[in-house]
């Protein structure tokens, strides 16, 4: 399950980059902002996954 989450989070970040790029190219500030939001969301979720992984490592010892 964790690997699926990591893939989904990275996909969300990449989707956000694409949206931001399209928004910038078409001068659509709303789409650009939405893309930045998607990127931020994906990065926060990835950070959460890293914390969970670190906690697992601590408790395995």
Protein backbone atom coordinates (compact mmCIF):
# COMPACT_ATOMS: atom_id res chain seq x y z
CA UNK A 1 0.00 0.00 0.00
CA UNK A 2 2.78 2.47 0.84
CA UNK A 3 4.39 2.14 -2.58
CA UNK A 4 1.03 2.82 -4.24
CA UNK A 5 0.67 5.95 -2.12
CA UNK A 6 4.16 7.13 -3.07
CA UNK A 7 3.41 6.63 -6.76
CA UNK A 8 0.07 8.45 -6.44
CA UNK A 9 1.71 11.35 -4.61
CA UNK A 10 4.46 11.71 -7.22
CA UNK A 11 1.85 11.51 -10.00
CA UNK A 12 -0.12 14.30 -8.31
CA UNK A 13 3.02 16.44 -8.16
CA UNK A 14 3.80 15.80 -11.84
CA UNK A 15 0.20 16.53 -12.82
CA UNK A 16 0.53 19.82 -10.96
CA UNK A 17 3.69 20.69 -12.88
CA UNK A 18 1.90 20.00 -16.14
CA UNK A 19 -1.10 22.12 -15.13
CA UNK A 20 1.16 24.96 -14.06
CA UNK A 21 3.03 24.81 -17.36
CA UNK A 22 -0.16 24.80 -19.42
CA UNK A 23 -1.55 27.63 -17.31
CA UNK A 24 1.59 29.66 -17.83
CA UNK A 25 1.62 28.95 -21.59
CA UNK A 26 -2.04 29.90 -22.01
CA UNK A 27 -1.89 32.81 -19.55
CA UNK A 28 -4.50 31.08 -17.36
CA UNK A 29 -3.66 32.19 -13.83
CA UNK A 30 -6.31 29.93 -12.31
CA UNK A 31 -4.89 26.80 -13.92
CA UNK A 32 -1.37 27.86 -13.00
CA UNK A 33 -2.39 28.32 -9.35
CA UNK A 34 -4.23 25.00 -9.35
CA UNK A 35 -1.08 23.34 -10.66
CA UNK A 36 1.02 24.87 -7.89
CA UNK A 37 -1.55 23.65 -5.38
CA UNK A 38 -1.41 20.11 -6.76
CA UNK A 39 2.38 20.17 -6.56
CA UNK A 40 2.32 21.36 -2.96
CA UNK A 41 -0.23 18.72 -2.02
CA UNK A 42 1.84 15.97 -3.59
CA UNK A 43 4.99 17.16 -1.83
CA UNK A 44 3.26 17.30 1.57
CA UNK A 45 1.94 13.78 1.08
CA UNK A 46 5.41 12.57 0.08
CA UNK A 47 6.84 14.13 3.24
CA UNK A 48 4.22 12.26 5.26
CA UNK A 49 5.26 9.00 3.63
CA UNK A 50 8.90 9.71 4.52
CA UNK A 51 7.93 10.29 8.15
CA UNK A 52 6.01 7.00 8.21
CA UNK A 53 8.99 5.19 6.69
CA UNK A 54 11.35 6.72 9.25
CA UNK A 55 9.03 5.73 12.08
CA UNK A 56 8.91 2.16 10.79
CA UNK A 57 12.69 2.06 10.73
CA UNK A 58 12.92 3.32 14.32
CA UNK A 59 10.45 0.78 15.64
CA UNK A 60 12.00 -2.15 13.75
CA UNK A 61 15.18 -1.83 15.82
